[in-house]
Amino acid sequence: MGTLFFQSCIPDRMPTEPVENTRPKFVKFDTLGISNLVVPVNQPVKMFFNEKMDLSTFPANVNVESISGKINGNFSYAPESDTVVIFTPGSSYNRAEVYTVSVHGGVRDAHGNSMISPNDEDVPQKFWFFTEGDYSDGGFPYVFVRDKAQKQVLYRSGKLNQYIDSLYVNATAEDYQTASLEFSPKGNYLWMVNLKTTDGTISLIDPQSFEVAKVVQVGLGPTNVGFSQDKAYVTNKSAKSFTVINLDSYTAETTYSFTNNFKPLDVAYSSLTDKLYFISSTNKDVEAVDAQDFNDNYIIDTLLTDNKGIDIEVSDDGKYLFIPQKRTDKIAVFNTQTNSPESPIETGYPYAGDGTIKGDYYYSSYYKYSGSDSDGGILKINVSTQSIENVFTFGEEIDKLGITNSGELLYAVTPGDSSLHIIETKTMREISKTKINGSLKYIAVSKNNYAK
């Protein structure tokens, strides 16, 4: 009988390791600049994951874009870890623009696993930043806000979005009510209008030292001040006059009295016509006055059709005047070149409020409160076409507006929450705000930037 041999089967190879099929997770973006503000135009963006990622899947699934379009770039691992992916822009970002970074679920890890299943909704991880611009060259502008209740108090904000300090402007008598703040064209001084029960004054304040440099006497009841290149014009409402101040000597040259009972509320100067345009505090009249000898003056009574004006702004070229009419949604437009009204802008957003102009755009606030509902915001209006291009919606009442000298940043005072809001003007998006403990009113933004 033969011998039986039993032999076990020996495998010719070891079993393969299981394929890793856990989906990668996005962890965070790295903060840039000053809380994502003032970001250099060549700044890389870091994205953190929980495992090593496949770089080849990033170009199709990561977008870095602004209102101007998408920025292409390169992706690499960070030196400290291959779980950190760096986007390096292939060209510089545009200055003073908001960029959004979107990481979609199609990015894969080194094992080929995407962040989400193809059947799931792709909700990208998002991050935004605001690039450096003229507003940040050599420092930042100072922003000044006046207190409505404590009429002698000014607040100063800077470093883009930080409250710095306050100033109590000494006076022999408390102001009767809060009046405007303005910067002269050269930016040397902040002009604070002091409205008193006696003849008023203008306090000239050094924006850097935050001290009163000079006080100029004007007429009774001053409310606002407008500028040509070499003169300032202060509207004296109660005195029915305006005072002319020399911008070289900072002395009052003359006071012109209206003989037709006109009470000026605000004024704008047109370099195109060399005329001053005044709105009235009592009626719908607008008065034009020759800025050289003040003799060639006349009433424009066909411009404001619904109500008196509450603010007057002039385009940079002097061609157009914009005048919001009180408690309406209408903004009157006057062509100084043709000396005739244009069609009013019927915004559909009552009630039109304070405005400011820089370059191609006029910005107008609006606010209406009805019962428990409030509706407020800012309209971005093209100066040449007089059409609304964008709307910033905000629940709070926006009392006054200010804008940087370059037109990149818009500042809005909201008394309801005692805040100063910063809005970038290209897309009308709020990028930051500063809390100021006070009853806020008028605002002025310095022409120059100051050290950080």
Protein backbone atom coordinates (compact mmCIF):
# COMPACT_ATOMS: atom_id res chain seq x y z
CA MET A 1 0.00 0.00 0.00
CA GLY A 2 1.43 3.28 -1.01
CA THR A 3 2.21 6.06 1.44
CA LEU A 4 -0.03 9.15 1.40
CA PHE A 5 1.57 12.57 1.76
CA PHE A 6 -0.51 15.63 2.84
CA GLN A 7 0.90 19.08 2.02
CA SER A 8 -0.74 22.42 2.79
CA CYS A 9 -1.05 25.02 0.07
CA ILE A 10 1.43 27.84 0.54
CA PRO A 11 0.26 31.19 -0.89
CA ASP A 12 2.51 32.73 -3.47
CA ARG A 13 1.95 36.28 -2.15
CA MET A 14 0.69 38.18 0.91
CA PRO A 15 -2.85 39.74 0.81
CA THR A 16 -2.95 43.32 -0.50
CA GLU A 17 -3.43 46.06 2.03
CA PRO A 18 -6.93 47.57 2.05
CA VAL A 19 -7.27 50.77 0.02
CA GLU A 20 -7.73 53.87 2.22
CA ASN A 21 -11.17 55.25 1.38
CA THR A 22 -11.75 57.88 4.06
CA ARG A 23 -12.69 61.21 2.61
CA PRO A 24 -10.30 64.08 3.42
CA LYS A 25 -11.52 67.00 5.50
CA PHE A 26 -10.90 70.69 5.02
CA VAL A 27 -9.62 72.24 8.26
CA LYS A 28 -9.17 75.98 7.73
CA PHE A 29 -7.74 78.88 5.75
CA ASP A 30 -4.83 80.87 7.11
CA THR A 31 -5.68 84.43 8.20
CA LEU A 32 -4.10 87.11 6.02
CA GLY A 33 -3.02 90.69 6.67
CA ILE A 34 -4.93 92.58 9.35
CA SER A 35 -7.94 90.30 9.83
CA ASN A 36 -7.95 89.59 6.07
CA LEU A 37 -7.58 93.31 5.26
CA VAL A 38 -4.65 95.20 3.70
CA VAL A 39 -3.44 91.98 2.05
CA PRO A 40 -0.38 92.33 -0.25
CA VAL A 41 -1.15 91.93 -3.95
CA ASN A 42 1.13 88.88 -4.27
CA GLN A 43 0.05 87.15 -1.03
CA PRO A 44 -0.17 83.32 -1.15
CA VAL A 45 -3.19 81.60 0.40
CA LYS A 46 -2.78 78.60 2.72
CA MET A 47 -5.39 75.83 2.94
CA PHE A 48 -5.19 73.27 5.73
CA PHE A 49 -6.45 69.66 5.40
CA ASN A 50 -6.31 66.61 7.67
CA GLU A 51 -4.20 64.54 5.28
CA LYS A 52 -1.95 64.78 2.26
CA MET A 53 -3.76 66.06 -0.83
CA ASP A 54 -3.35 65.45 -4.57
CA LEU A 55 -2.18 68.80 -5.96
CA SER A 56 -3.23 67.92 -9.51
CA THR A 57 -6.92 68.12 -8.47
CA PHE A 58 -6.71 71.69 -7.16
CA PRO A 59 -6.64 73.87 -10.33
CA ALA A 60 -10.09 72.63 -11.37
CA ASN A 61 -11.59 72.86 -7.89
CA VAL A 62 -10.17 76.01 -6.32
CA ASN A 63 -11.19 79.49 -7.50
CA VAL A 64 -9.60 82.77 -6.44
CA GLU A 65 -11.60 85.61 -7.95
CA SER A 66 -12.84 89.17 -7.58
CA ILE A 67 -15.23 91.43 -9.46
CA SER A 68 -12.47 91.70 -12.10
CA GLY A 69 -12.29 87.95 -12.72
CA LYS A 70 -10.37 84.83 -11.74
CA ILE A 71 -6.71 84.78 -10.78
CA ASN A 72 -4.76 81.71 -11.94
CA GLY A 73 -1.85 80.40 -9.93
CA ASN A 74 0.21 77.46 -8.75
CA PHE A 75 -0.38 74.95 -5.96
CA SER A 76 2.31 73.46 -3.75
CA TYR A 77 2.79 71.81 -0.38
CA ALA A 78 3.83 74.00 2.53
CA PRO A 79 7.39 73.34 3.78
CA GLU A 80 6.11 72.40 7.20
CA SER A 81 3.53 69.81 6.10
CA ASP A 82 2.13 68.10 3.02
CA THR A 83 -1.35 68.47 4.54
CA VAL A 84 -1.10 72.23 3.91
CA VAL A 85 -1.61 73.41 0.32
CA ILE A 86 -0.42 76.85 -0.81
CA PHE A 87 -1.96 78.82 -3.67
CA THR A 88 0.54 81.28 -5.16
CA PRO A 89 -1.01 83.79 -7.58
CA GLY A 90 0.42 83.77 -11.08
CA SER A 91 -0.11 87.52 -11.37
CA SER A 92 -0.73 90.29 -8.87
CA TYR A 93 -4.18 90.82 -7.43
CA ASN A 94 -5.83 94.13 -8.22
CA ARG A 95 -5.49 96.78 -5.56
CA ALA A 96 -8.37 97.52 -3.20
CA GLU A 97 -10.52 94.57 -4.26
CA VAL A 98 -12.29 91.83 -2.34
CA TYR A 99 -11.13 88.36 -3.41
CA THR A 100 -13.05 85.20 -2.61
CA VAL A 101 -11.32 81.82 -2.34
CA SER A 102 -13.58 78.81 -2.95
CA VAL A 103 -12.44 75.21 -2.32
CA HIS A 104 -14.84 72.73 -3.95
CA GLY A 105 -15.50 69.15 -2.89
CA GLY A 106 -13.75 67.72 -5.93
CA VAL A 107 -10.25 68.14 -4.46
CA ARG A 108 -8.79 64.71 -3.66
CA ASP A 109 -6.36 63.27 -1.19
CA ALA A 110 -3.26 61.33 -2.17
CA HIS A 111 -5.36 58.11 -2.26
CA GLY A 112 -7.85 59.50 -4.76
CA ASN A 113 -10.68 60.24 -2.35
CA SER A 114 -12.62 63.47 -2.95
CA MET A 115 -13.93 65.61 -0.10
CA ILE A 116 -17.53 64.84 -1.03
CA SER A 117 -19.37 62.15 -2.95
CA PRO A 118 -20.31 63.02 -6.54
CA ASN A 119 -23.93 62.59 -5.47
CA ASP A 120 -23.69 65.17 -2.68
CA GLU A 121 -24.31 68.87 -3.04
CA ASP A 122 -21.05 70.71 -3.48
CA VAL A 123 -21.00 73.51 -0.90
CA PRO A 124 -17.52 75.03 -1.22
CA GLN A 125 -15.40 76.21 1.67
CA LYS A 126 -15.06 79.99 1.29
CA PHE A 127 -12.73 82.71 2.44
CA TRP A 128 -12.33 86.36 1.49
CA PHE A 129 -9.67 89.04 1.77
CA PHE A 130 -9.28 92.70 0.79
CA THR A 131 -6.08 93.83 -0.88
CA GLU A 132 -3.92 96.84 -0.14
CA GLY A 133 -4.59 100.03 -2.07
CA ASP A 134 -4.17 103.79 -2.08
CA TYR A 135 -6.00 103.85 1.26
CA SER A 136 -3.09 101.96 2.87
CA ASP A 137 -0.04 103.53 1.17
CA GLY A 138 2.25 104.85 3.90
CA GLY A 139 -0.38 104.38 6.58
CA PHE A 140 -4.12 104.91 6.72
CA PRO A 141 -6.55 107.83 6.58
CA TYR A 142 -8.00 109.22 9.78
CA VAL A 143 -11.76 109.26 10.10
CA PHE A 144 -13.41 111.86 12.33
CA VAL A 145 -16.94 111.64 13.71
CA ARG A 146 -18.75 114.30 15.70
CA ASP A 147 -20.93 113.62 18.74
CA LYS A 148 -24.51 114.79 18.33
CA ALA A 149 -25.22 115.12 22.06
CA GLN A 150 -21.80 116.29 23.28
CA LYS A 151 -21.43 118.85 20.53
CA GLN A 152 -17.82 119.80 21.35
CA VAL A 153 -16.56 116.19 21.14
CA LEU A 154 -14.85 114.61 18.13
CA TYR A 155 -13.84 110.97 17.76
CA ARG A 156 -10.88 109.80 15.71
CA SER A 157 -10.55 106.40 14.07
CA GLY A 158 -7.58 105.06 12.12
CA LYS A 159 -5.42 102.03 11.32
CA LEU A 160 -8.25 101.24 8.92
CA ASN A 161 -10.77 100.10 11.53
CA GLN A 162 -9.66 101.03 15.06
CA TYR A 163 -10.99 103.69 17.38
CA ILE A 164 -8.04 105.81 18.52
CA ASP A 165 -9.09 108.73 20.73
CA SER A 166 -11.40 111.71 21.21
CA LEU A 167 -10.99 115.47 21.46
CA TYR A 168 -13.01 118.00 23.42
CA VAL A 169 -12.92 121.27 21.51
CA ASN A 170 -12.90 124.05 24.08
CA ALA A 171 -15.32 126.89 23.43
CA THR A 172 -16.59 129.92 25.31
CA ALA A 173 -20.12 128.71 24.64
CA GLU A 174 -21.53 125.27 23.87
CA ASP A 175 -22.68 124.83 20.27
CA TYR A 176 -26.41 125.30 19.76
CA GLN A 177 -26.59 122.19 17.60
CA THR A 178 -24.19 119.86 15.81
CA ALA A 179 -22.98 121.12 12.45
CA SER A 180 -20.78 119.66 9.75
CA LEU A 181 -17.19 118.45 9.47
CA GLU A 182 -15.22 118.80 6.23
CA PHE A 183 -11.67 118.56 4.92
CA SER A 184 -10.29 121.32 2.71
CA PRO A 185 -8.97 120.26 -0.73
CA LYS A 186 -5.34 120.29 0.40
CA GLY A 187 -6.18 118.25 3.47
CA ASN A 188 -4.24 120.49 5.85
CA TYR A 189 -7.04 120.85 8.37
CA LEU A 190 -10.27 119.33 9.50
CA TRP A 191 -12.94 122.07 9.45
CA MET A 192 -15.39 121.91 12.35
CA VAL A 193 -18.42 124.19 11.98
CA ASN A 194 -19.50 125.62 15.34
CA LEU A 195 -23.13 126.74 15.35
CA LYS A 196 -23.84 129.00 18.34
CA THR A 197 -26.57 131.37 19.50
CA THR A 198 -24.12 134.18 18.74
CA ASP A 199 -21.93 134.46 15.64
CA GLY A 200 -20.46 131.08 14.81
CA THR A 201 -16.88 129.97 14.25
CA ILE A 202 -14.83 127.44 12.34
CA SER A 203 -12.29 125.38 14.28
CA LEU A 204 -9.35 124.31 12.15
CA ILE A 205 -8.00 121.04 13.58
CA ASP A 206 -4.69 119.41 12.72
CA PRO A 207 -5.65 115.80 11.84
CA GLN A 208 -2.32 114.36 12.97
CA SER A 209 -1.77 116.14 16.30
CA PHE A 210 -5.55 116.29 16.86
CA GLU A 211 -5.32 119.82 18.21
CA VAL A 212 -7.11 123.05 17.30
CA ALA A 213 -4.72 125.14 15.18
CA LYS A 214 -6.93 128.16 14.56
CA VAL A 215 -10.44 129.53 15.05
CA VAL A 216 -12.10 131.70 12.37
CA GLN A 217 -15.13 133.92 13.03
CA VAL A 218 -18.05 133.55 10.62
CA GLY A 219 -21.72 134.62 10.67
CA LEU A 220 -24.75 133.69 12.72
CA GLY A 221 -25.96 130.10 12.45
CA PRO A 222 -23.27 128.42 10.30
CA THR A 223 -24.26 124.94 9.10
CA ASN A 224 -21.97 123.75 6.30
CA VAL A 225 -18.83 124.61 4.37
CA GLY A 226 -17.90 124.10 0.71
CA PHE A 227 -14.59 124.64 -1.09
CA SER A 228 -13.01 125.85 -4.28
CA GLN A 229 -9.27 125.38 -4.72
CA ASP A 230 -8.36 128.56 -2.86
CA LYS A 231 -11.49 129.56 -0.92
CA ALA A 232 -13.88 128.14 1.65
CA TYR A 233 -17.53 129.18 1.76
CA VAL A 234 -19.44 128.88 5.04
CA THR A 235 -23.24 129.01 4.92
CA ASN A 236 -24.65 131.20 7.71
CA LYS A 237 -28.27 130.10 7.83
CA SER A 238 -29.56 132.46 10.51
CA ALA A 239 -27.68 135.47 9.11
CA LYS A 240 -28.86 134.72 5.53
CA SER A 241 -25.28 135.03 4.34
CA PHE A 242 -22.08 133.17 3.59
CA THR A 243 -18.52 133.87 4.71
CA VAL A 244 -15.55 133.55 2.36
CA ILE A 245 -12.30 132.24 3.90
CA ASN A 246 -8.89 132.38 2.21
CA LEU A 247 -7.26 128.92 2.18
CA ASP A 248 -3.73 130.34 2.27
CA SER A 249 -4.08 132.73 5.20
CA TYR A 250 -7.10 131.02 6.81
CA THR A 251 -8.72 134.38 7.41
CA ALA A 252 -12.24 135.53 6.64
CA GLU A 253 -12.15 137.84 3.60
CA THR A 254 -15.78 138.90 3.38
CA THR A 255 -19.32 137.97 4.26
CA TYR A 256 -21.93 138.17 1.53
CA SER A 257 -25.55 138.76 2.58
CA PHE A 258 -28.49 137.55 0.54
CA THR A 259 -30.96 140.38 -0.07
CA ASN A 260 -33.87 138.09 -1.05
CA ASN A 261 -34.41 136.48 2.37
CA PHE A 262 -32.60 133.32 1.20
CA LYS A 263 -31.43 131.11 4.10
CA PRO A 264 -28.54 128.94 2.87
CA LEU A 265 -28.29 125.41 4.29
CA ASP A 266 -25.46 123.93 2.22
CA VAL A 267 -23.22 124.89 -0.70
CA ALA A 268 -21.26 123.30 -3.55
CA TYR A 269 -18.73 124.94 -5.89
CA SER A 270 -18.48 124.07 -9.59
CA SER A 271 -15.04 124.49 -11.13
CA LEU A 272 -16.68 124.25 -14.55
CA THR A 273 -18.83 127.38 -14.15
CA ASP A 274 -16.95 129.08 -11.30
CA LYS A 275 -20.24 129.39 -9.47
CA LEU A 276 -21.53 128.55 -6.00
CA TYR A 277 -24.80 126.67 -5.68
CA PHE A 278 -26.77 126.97 -2.45
CA ILE A 279 -29.75 124.99 -1.22
CA SER A 280 -32.22 126.69 1.09
CA SER A 281 -33.14 125.64 4.61
CA THR A 282 -36.71 126.87 4.18
CA ASN A 283 -37.93 126.17 0.63
CA LYS A 284 -37.23 124.47 -2.72
CA ASP A 285 -35.13 127.30 -4.17
CA VAL A 286 -31.54 126.78 -5.27
CA GLU A 287 -29.45 129.93 -5.65
CA ALA A 288 -26.49 130.24 -8.03
CA VAL A 289 -23.85 132.85 -7.20
CA ASP A 290 -20.80 133.95 -9.17
CA ALA A 291 -17.74 132.95 -7.12
CA GLN A 292 -15.65 135.94 -8.20
CA ASP A 293 -17.71 139.01 -7.37
CA PHE A 294 -20.96 137.44 -6.00
CA ASN A 295 -23.04 139.81 -8.14
CA ASP A 296 -24.27 137.53 -10.91
CA ASN A 297 -26.72 135.50 -8.83
CA TYR A 298 -30.10 134.00 -9.60
CA ILE A 299 -32.69 131.58 -8.26
CA ILE A 300 -33.20 128.15 -9.84
CA ASP A 301 -36.79 127.36 -8.94
CA THR A 302 -37.48 124.49 -11.37
CA LEU A 303 -34.94 122.00 -10.03
CA LEU A 304 -36.47 120.80 -6.74
CA THR A 305 -40.00 119.73 -7.59
CA ASP A 306 -41.17 117.81 -4.53
CA ASN A 307 -39.45 119.20 -1.45
CA LYS A 308 -36.48 121.23 -0.28
CA GLY A 309 -32.96 119.84 -0.58
CA ILE A 310 -31.18 118.22 2.35
CA ASP A 311 -27.68 117.90 0.86
CA ILE A 312 -25.83 119.09 -2.23
CA GLU A 313 -22.86 117.41 -3.90
CA VAL A 314 -20.96 118.31 -7.06
CA SER A 315 -19.18 115.93 -9.43
CA ASP A 316 -15.39 116.13 -9.61
CA ASP A 317 -15.53 117.86 -13.00
CA GLY A 318 -18.07 120.40 -11.75
CA LYS A 319 -20.68 119.37 -14.32
CA TYR A 320 -23.41 117.79 -12.19
CA LEU A 321 -25.12 118.70 -8.93
CA PHE A 322 -26.95 116.01 -6.96
CA ILE A 323 -29.57 117.13 -4.44
CA PRO A 324 -31.71 114.62 -2.50
CA GLN A 325 -35.16 116.02 -1.73
CA LYS A 326 -36.39 115.73 1.83
CA ARG A 327 -38.70 112.77 2.65
CA THR A 328 -38.80 111.53 -0.95
CA ASP A 329 -37.01 108.90 -2.99
CA LYS A 330 -36.00 111.56 -5.53
CA ILE A 331 -32.55 112.99 -6.17
CA ALA A 332 -32.57 116.14 -8.29
CA VAL A 333 -29.78 116.46 -10.88
CA PHE A 334 -28.61 119.76 -12.33
CA ASN A 335 -26.32 120.15 -15.33
CA THR A 336 -24.21 123.23 -14.64
CA GLN A 337 -22.84 123.23 -18.19
CA THR A 338 -26.27 123.65 -19.78
CA ASN A 339 -27.64 125.47 -16.72
CA SER A 340 -30.68 123.20 -16.70
CA PRO A 341 -32.15 120.33 -14.67
CA GLU A 342 -31.73 116.75 -15.81
CA SER A 343 -34.42 114.13 -15.18
CA PRO A 344 -34.52 113.41 -11.44
CA ILE A 345 -33.33 110.04 -10.18
CA GLU A 346 -36.35 108.23 -8.78
CA THR A 347 -34.54 105.65 -6.69
CA GLY A 348 -37.44 103.65 -5.32
CA TYR A 349 -35.65 103.70 -1.95
CA PRO A 350 -37.20 106.32 0.35
CA TYR A 351 -36.06 108.43 1.99
CA ALA A 352 -33.02 109.85 0.19
CA GLY A 353 -30.37 111.12 2.60
CA ASP A 354 -26.77 112.28 2.82
CA GLY A 355 -24.49 111.79 -0.18
CA THR A 356 -20.85 111.93 -1.23
CA ILE A 357 -19.08 111.92 -4.62
CA LYS A 358 -15.73 110.60 -5.77
CA GLY A 359 -14.70 110.00 -9.37
CA ASP A 360 -17.36 108.28 -11.45
CA TYR A 361 -19.80 107.64 -8.62
CA TYR A 362 -22.23 109.41 -6.35
CA TYR A 363 -23.21 107.54 -3.18
CA SER A 364 -26.53 108.34 -1.52
CA SER A 365 -27.84 106.97 1.75
CA TYR A 366 -31.51 106.19 2.28
CA TYR A 367 -33.61 105.22 5.29
CA LYS A 368 -37.25 104.76 6.16
CA TYR A 369 -38.72 103.59 9.46
CA SER A 370 -42.28 102.28 9.50
CA GLY A 371 -43.67 100.75 12.68
CA SER A 372 -41.37 97.91 13.64
CA ASP A 373 -39.74 97.75 10.21
CA SER A 374 -36.72 99.74 9.12
CA ASP A 375 -35.06 99.87 5.74
CA GLY A 376 -31.75 101.58 5.11
CA GLY A 377 -28.78 101.44 2.83
CA ILE A 378 -26.55 103.16 0.29
CA LEU A 379 -27.06 103.58 -3.45
CA LYS A 380 -24.09 103.57 -5.82
CA ILE A 381 -25.06 105.87 -8.70
CA ASN A 382 -23.11 106.41 -11.92
CA VAL A 383 -22.45 110.15 -12.25
CA SER A 384 -22.61 110.34 -16.05
CA THR A 385 -25.63 108.07 -16.61
CA GLN A 386 -27.39 108.88 -13.29
CA SER A 387 -28.30 105.20 -13.00
CA ILE A 388 -28.12 103.00 -9.90
CA GLU A 389 -25.39 100.37 -10.30
CA ASN A 390 -25.39 98.77 -6.87
CA VAL A 391 -27.23 98.86 -3.55
CA PHE A 392 -25.83 98.20 -0.09
CA THR A 393 -28.72 97.18 2.16
CA PHE A 394 -28.49 97.90 5.84
CA GLY A 395 -31.17 97.78 8.54
CA GLU A 396 -29.77 100.66 10.57
CA GLU A 397 -30.24 104.31 9.74
CA ILE A 398 -27.17 105.67 7.99
CA ASP A 399 -26.80 109.25 9.08
CA LYS A 400 -23.75 110.52 7.18
CA LEU A 401 -21.26 109.24 4.61
CA GLY A 402 -17.56 109.84 4.07
CA ILE A 403 -15.16 108.56 1.40
CA THR A 404 -11.39 108.16 1.09
CA ASN A 405 -9.50 110.47 -1.24
CA SER A 406 -8.95 107.60 -3.68
CA GLY A 407 -12.60 106.56 -3.58
CA GLU A 408 -11.76 103.00 -2.52
CA LEU A 409 -13.48 102.97 0.87
CA LEU A 410 -16.81 104.41 1.95
CA TYR A 411 -17.52 105.12 5.63
CA ALA A 412 -21.04 105.19 7.05
CA VAL A 413 -22.13 106.46 10.47
CA THR A 414 -25.00 104.54 12.07
CA PRO A 415 -26.22 106.27 15.24
CA GLY A 416 -28.44 103.34 16.22
CA ASP A 417 -25.52 101.05 17.05
CA SER A 418 -22.88 103.78 17.55
CA SER A 419 -20.71 102.34 14.80
CA LEU A 420 -18.57 103.42 11.89
CA HIS A 421 -18.95 100.98 8.99
CA ILE A 422 -16.35 100.48 6.26
CA ILE A 423 -17.61 99.54 2.79
CA GLU A 424 -15.42 98.84 -0.21
CA THR A 425 -16.88 100.70 -3.16
CA LYS A 426 -16.33 98.32 -6.09
CA THR A 427 -18.89 95.76 -4.93
CA MET A 428 -20.46 97.75 -2.04
CA ARG A 429 -19.57 95.11 0.54
CA GLU A 430 -19.00 95.87 4.20
CA ILE A 431 -15.52 94.72 5.18
CA SER A 432 -15.23 95.98 8.75
CA LYS A 433 -16.67 98.29 11.38
CA THR A 434 -15.53 100.26 14.41
CA LYS A 435 -17.52 100.70 17.59
CA ILE A 436 -17.53 104.26 18.97
CA ASN A 437 -19.32 104.88 22.23
CA GLY A 438 -21.16 108.09 21.54
CA SER A 439 -24.11 109.71 19.82
CA LEU A 440 -22.67 109.88 16.32
CA LYS A 441 -23.44 112.43 13.63
CA TYR A 442 -21.19 114.15 11.08
CA ILE A 443 -18.16 112.47 9.51
CA ALA A 444 -15.02 113.51 7.61
CA VAL A 445 -12.23 111.39 6.12
CA SER A 446 -8.71 112.80 5.87
CA LYS A 447 -7.25 113.44 2.42
CA ASN A 448 -3.87 112.04 3.44
CA ASN A 449 -2.67 108.78 4.98
CA TYR A 450 -0.81 108.81 8.26
CA ALA A 451 1.72 106.46 9.84
CA LYS A 452 0.44 103.09 11.00
